[in-house]
Amino acid sequence: MAAALLQHHSMGRIKVKSAGSAPGEQINPIAAQALREWGIEISQLEPKKLDPLVVEQSDVVVTMGCGDACPVFPGVRYEDWPLEDPAGQAIEFVRRVRDQIDLKVRTLVSELLD
């Protein structure tokens, strides 16, 4: 959700990649539903495994509780957003997580583009 919201709010001005330290086999359908309510479609995307090379080449890396599984490189800005995992949760819960992510994404976009 964070990557899709970042892409949406930056209107393509920020290059966004998304990956997980332990990605599922498919996009969470309830997360996709929560974003679709805002006109953002992610259901056709496929989860990707975190690539340390991509992390090393990034300016900013946002983590959501990946702990020691996330590689750390000098010169890369890291932000950890401690959010509850929406996996297996009802749409009401996922909407709250989406809204929390949206606030953080809007702040990040304003910092990166201002």
Protein backbone atom coordinates (compact mmCIF):
# COMPACT_ATOMS: atom_id res chain seq x y z
CA MET A 1 0.00 0.00 0.00
CA ALA A 2 2.81 2.40 0.85
CA ALA A 3 4.47 2.09 -2.55
CA ALA A 4 1.20 2.60 -4.39
CA LEU A 5 0.31 5.62 -2.27
CA LEU A 6 3.79 7.08 -2.72
CA GLN A 7 3.56 6.66 -6.48
CA HIS A 8 0.08 8.20 -6.45
CA HIS A 9 0.88 11.23 -4.30
CA SER A 10 4.22 11.95 -5.98
CA MET A 11 2.52 11.78 -9.39
CA GLY A 12 5.48 9.86 -10.76
CA ARG A 13 8.08 12.36 -9.54
CA ILE A 14 9.58 9.81 -7.14
CA LYS A 15 10.86 6.45 -8.37
CA VAL A 16 9.20 3.85 -6.17
CA LYS A 17 10.08 0.19 -5.68
CA SER A 18 8.36 -2.22 -3.34
CA ALA A 19 9.67 -5.46 -1.87
CA GLY A 20 9.40 -7.52 1.24
CA SER A 21 11.77 -9.49 3.42
CA ALA A 22 9.21 -12.33 3.43
CA PRO A 23 6.74 -11.50 0.63
CA GLY A 24 3.52 -13.44 0.25
CA GLU A 25 2.53 -15.24 -2.91
CA GLN A 26 -0.02 -12.59 -3.89
CA ILE A 27 -1.04 -9.05 -3.05
CA ASN A 28 -3.34 -8.91 -0.04
CA PRO A 29 -6.79 -8.73 -1.67
CA ILE A 30 -8.23 -6.68 1.20
CA ALA A 31 -5.38 -4.16 0.89
CA ALA A 32 -6.09 -4.01 -2.84
CA GLN A 33 -9.77 -3.39 -2.07
CA ALA A 34 -8.91 -0.59 0.38
CA LEU A 35 -6.75 1.15 -2.23
CA ARG A 36 -9.29 0.56 -5.01
CA GLU A 37 -11.74 2.60 -2.91
CA TRP A 38 -9.40 5.54 -3.61
CA GLY A 39 -9.01 4.72 -7.29
CA ILE A 40 -5.61 3.03 -6.92
CA GLU A 41 -5.29 -0.43 -8.48
CA ILE A 42 -2.66 -2.90 -7.17
CA SER A 43 -4.38 -6.27 -7.57
CA GLN A 44 -2.35 -7.20 -10.66
CA LEU A 45 1.01 -6.55 -8.96
CA GLU A 46 3.16 -9.39 -7.69
CA PRO A 47 5.05 -9.39 -4.39
CA LYS A 48 8.82 -9.23 -4.77
CA LYS A 49 11.68 -10.37 -2.55
CA LEU A 50 13.88 -7.63 -1.13
CA ASP A 51 17.06 -7.18 -3.21
CA PRO A 52 20.00 -5.77 -1.21
CA LEU A 53 21.40 -4.14 -4.38
CA VAL A 54 18.20 -2.13 -4.82
CA VAL A 55 18.38 -1.06 -1.17
CA GLU A 56 22.00 0.02 -1.56
CA GLN A 57 21.13 2.15 -4.61
CA SER A 58 18.18 3.85 -2.91
CA ASP A 59 18.10 7.32 -1.40
CA VAL A 60 15.32 6.47 1.06
CA VAL A 61 14.18 3.08 2.32
CA VAL A 62 10.93 2.76 4.26
CA THR A 63 10.66 -0.36 6.38
CA MET A 64 7.69 -1.68 8.26
CA GLY A 65 9.17 -3.87 10.92
CA CYS A 66 11.53 -6.03 8.86
CA GLY A 67 14.22 -5.84 11.57
CA ASP A 68 17.46 -7.69 10.87
CA ALA A 69 16.15 -8.97 7.52
CA CYS A 70 16.63 -5.50 5.99
CA PRO A 71 20.16 -4.70 4.85
CA VAL A 72 21.63 -1.41 6.04
CA PHE A 73 24.01 0.62 3.87
CA PRO A 74 25.83 3.87 4.65
CA GLY A 75 24.39 6.95 2.97
CA VAL A 76 20.87 5.52 2.67
CA ARG A 77 18.11 7.22 4.66
CA TYR A 78 15.99 4.69 6.56
CA GLU A 79 12.55 5.24 8.00
CA ASP A 80 10.78 2.54 9.96
CA TRP A 81 7.03 2.89 10.08
CA PRO A 82 5.77 0.64 12.88
CA LEU A 83 2.31 -0.29 11.64
CA GLU A 84 0.07 -3.23 12.34
CA ASP A 85 0.15 -5.93 9.67
CA PRO A 86 -3.07 -5.89 7.62
CA ALA A 87 -2.65 -9.53 6.53
CA GLY A 88 -5.74 -11.55 7.34
CA GLN A 89 -7.62 -8.56 8.75
CA ALA A 90 -11.08 -7.24 7.94
CA ILE A 91 -11.54 -4.28 5.59
CA GLU A 92 -12.26 -1.86 8.47
CA PHE A 93 -8.88 -2.65 10.03
CA VAL A 94 -7.09 -2.43 6.67
CA ARG A 95 -8.68 0.96 5.99
CA ARG A 96 -7.22 2.27 9.26
CA VAL A 97 -3.78 0.96 8.31
CA ARG A 98 -4.17 2.48 4.83
CA ASP A 99 -5.05 5.84 6.36
CA GLN A 100 -2.01 5.70 8.69
CA ILE A 101 0.25 4.86 5.77
CA ASP A 102 -1.30 7.65 3.71
CA LEU A 103 -0.42 10.26 6.35
CA LYS A 104 3.18 9.03 6.52
CA VAL A 105 3.47 8.93 2.73
CA ARG A 106 2.15 12.48 2.37
CA THR A 107 4.75 13.69 4.88
CA LEU A 108 7.52 11.84 3.05
CA VAL A 109 6.45 13.21 -0.34
CA SER A 110 6.46 16.76 1.00
CA GLU A 111 9.96 16.25 2.47
CA LEU A 112 11.36 14.76 -0.73
CA LEU A 113 9.79 17.16 -3.20
CA ASP A 114 9.98 20.47 -1.30
